[in-house]
Protein backbone atom coordinates (compact mmCIF):
# COMPACT_ATOMS: atom_id res chain seq x y z
CA MET A 1 12.98 -64.39 -1.99
CA ALA A 2 16.32 -63.01 -3.16
CA ALA A 3 18.59 -61.08 -0.79
CA PRO A 4 18.72 -57.34 -1.50
CA SER A 5 21.81 -56.13 -3.29
CA ARG A 6 24.29 -53.86 -1.57
CA LEU A 7 23.34 -51.05 -3.97
CA SER A 8 19.66 -51.17 -3.04
CA VAL A 9 20.49 -51.26 0.70
CA LEU A 10 22.75 -48.24 0.21
CA SER A 11 20.01 -46.42 -1.72
CA ILE A 12 17.49 -47.05 1.07
CA LEU A 13 19.97 -45.85 3.70
CA VAL A 14 20.77 -42.62 1.81
CA SER A 15 17.07 -41.95 1.16
CA SER A 16 16.29 -42.44 4.85
CA LEU A 17 18.99 -39.97 5.89
CA VAL A 18 17.79 -37.39 3.39
CA LEU A 19 14.19 -37.72 4.55
CA ALA A 20 15.28 -37.57 8.20
CA GLY A 21 17.03 -34.28 7.43
CA CYS A 22 13.75 -32.84 6.18
CA SER A 23 11.93 -33.58 9.43
CA GLY A 24 13.65 -30.80 11.40
CA ASP A 25 14.05 -33.20 14.35
CA ARG A 26 17.58 -33.20 15.79
CA ALA A 27 17.23 -36.85 16.86
CA ALA A 28 16.24 -37.77 13.33
CA ASN A 29 19.03 -35.65 11.85
CA PRO A 30 22.26 -36.20 13.79
CA PHE A 31 24.13 -33.91 11.37
CA SER A 32 22.27 -30.74 12.38
CA SER A 33 23.73 -28.41 14.96
CA SER A 34 22.06 -25.99 17.29
CA ASP A 35 25.50 -24.73 18.29
CA THR A 36 25.71 -22.35 15.34
CA PRO A 37 25.64 -18.72 16.49
CA SER A 38 22.49 -16.79 15.82
CA VAL A 39 22.75 -13.71 13.65
CA ALA A 40 21.54 -10.42 15.18
CA ARG A 41 18.36 -9.66 13.34
CA PRO A 42 17.52 -6.06 12.63
CA ALA A 43 14.82 -4.60 14.82
CA ALA A 44 12.81 -1.49 14.15
CA PRO A 45 14.00 1.56 16.09
CA PRO A 46 11.74 2.80 18.90
CA VAL A 47 10.86 5.91 16.86
CA ASN A 48 10.28 6.62 13.18
CA MET A 49 13.72 7.67 11.95
CA ALA A 50 12.55 9.36 8.75
CA GLY A 51 12.85 13.13 8.88
CA ARG A 52 15.16 15.86 10.06
CA TRP A 53 17.39 15.29 13.10
CA LEU A 54 19.97 17.44 14.92
CA LEU A 55 23.32 15.75 15.54
CA ALA A 56 25.35 17.48 18.25
CA SER A 57 28.74 16.82 19.79
CA PRO A 58 29.56 19.11 22.75
CA GLY A 59 32.51 21.36 21.99
CA LEU A 60 32.72 20.15 18.38
CA GLY A 61 29.52 21.50 16.82
CA GLN A 62 26.21 20.39 15.44
CA CYS A 63 24.39 19.94 12.16
CA ASN A 64 21.04 18.85 10.80
CA MET A 65 20.66 15.54 9.03
CA THR A 66 17.76 14.14 7.06
CA PHE A 67 17.19 10.46 7.74
CA GLY A 68 15.42 8.39 5.11
CA GLY A 69 13.62 5.10 5.51
CA THR A 70 10.16 3.70 5.84
CA PRO A 71 8.40 3.44 9.22
CA GLY A 72 9.40 0.20 10.93
CA SER A 73 12.54 -0.13 8.81
CA ALA A 74 15.81 -1.12 10.47
CA GLU A 75 17.96 0.86 8.03
CA GLY A 76 17.94 3.90 5.83
CA THR A 77 19.87 6.76 4.31
CA ILE A 78 21.33 9.94 5.78
CA ALA A 79 21.76 13.29 4.03
CA PRO A 80 23.89 15.55 6.25
CA GLU A 81 23.69 19.31 5.93
CA GLY A 82 26.77 21.53 6.13
CA GLY A 83 28.90 22.11 9.21
CA CYS A 84 28.78 18.63 10.74
CA PRO A 85 31.31 17.98 13.51
CA GLY A 86 34.17 15.52 13.02
CA GLN A 87 33.66 13.11 10.14
CA PHE A 88 29.85 13.24 10.29
CA TYR A 89 29.72 15.14 6.99
CA THR A 90 30.42 11.69 5.42
CA SER A 91 27.29 10.12 7.01
CA ARG A 92 25.26 8.22 4.43
CA LYS A 93 23.53 5.29 6.12
CA TRP A 94 21.94 4.31 9.43
CA THR A 95 21.16 0.86 10.78
CA PHE A 96 19.36 -0.20 13.93
CA ASP A 97 19.78 -3.58 15.64
CA SER A 98 20.06 -5.06 19.11
CA THR A 99 23.18 -2.97 19.78
CA GLY A 100 21.42 0.32 18.96
CA LEU A 101 21.68 2.91 16.20
CA THR A 102 24.80 2.94 14.05
CA ILE A 103 25.64 5.87 11.79
CA ARG A 104 27.87 4.84 8.87
CA ASN A 105 29.88 6.79 6.33
CA HIS A 106 29.92 6.54 2.54
CA ASN A 107 32.23 3.48 2.79
CA GLY A 108 29.96 1.65 5.27
CA GLU A 109 32.35 2.26 8.17
CA PRO A 110 30.76 3.14 11.53
CA LEU A 111 30.99 6.76 12.65
CA ALA A 112 28.99 6.44 15.87
CA GLN A 113 27.09 3.96 18.01
CA LEU A 114 24.05 5.40 19.81
CA SER A 115 21.46 4.08 22.26
CA ALA A 116 17.80 5.09 22.41
CA ALA A 117 16.91 7.40 25.28
CA GLY A 118 13.25 8.36 24.91
CA ASN A 119 12.80 10.27 21.65
CA GLN A 120 16.51 10.86 21.21
CA PHE A 121 19.73 8.88 20.87
CA THR A 122 22.96 9.29 22.82
CA GLY A 123 26.34 7.65 22.50
CA GLN A 124 29.84 8.09 21.17
CA SER A 125 31.54 8.61 17.87
CA THR A 126 34.19 6.10 16.88
CA ALA A 127 36.70 8.89 17.71
CA GLY A 128 35.40 8.87 21.31
CA ALA A 129 33.38 12.12 21.28
CA ALA A 130 29.95 12.30 22.95
CA VAL A 131 27.12 12.50 20.41
CA THR A 132 23.38 13.19 20.69
CA LEU A 133 20.73 12.91 18.02
CA THR A 134 17.47 14.77 18.64
CA ARG A 135 14.45 15.98 16.65
């Protein structure tokens, strides 16, 4: 029986490593890493966000906003009505994740970060003003 050539030994070795990578077993795939940070996955807000909400900031004013999105969705649109306090007239999008509800402007920049408190949300604008969002 002839000795295997270096090329065939290399082919077998590469094939074994590729197949080991498909197994999902860290011992079988020494090149995988569980040290990579996990990405915060969107979670559905505790209430259906779609509909009309009142955004208020004590001493600065209040306005109604219509939130869009499907039930269970972790993001949607915002259509502010006139007279919104601060920069909230530029609100266009909302997202909800493990950090809470974020209201973003037309450029995707955060305007406020709010936490769920029953059927409402409370928090602060990026300018530091207290903000509540209620039905």
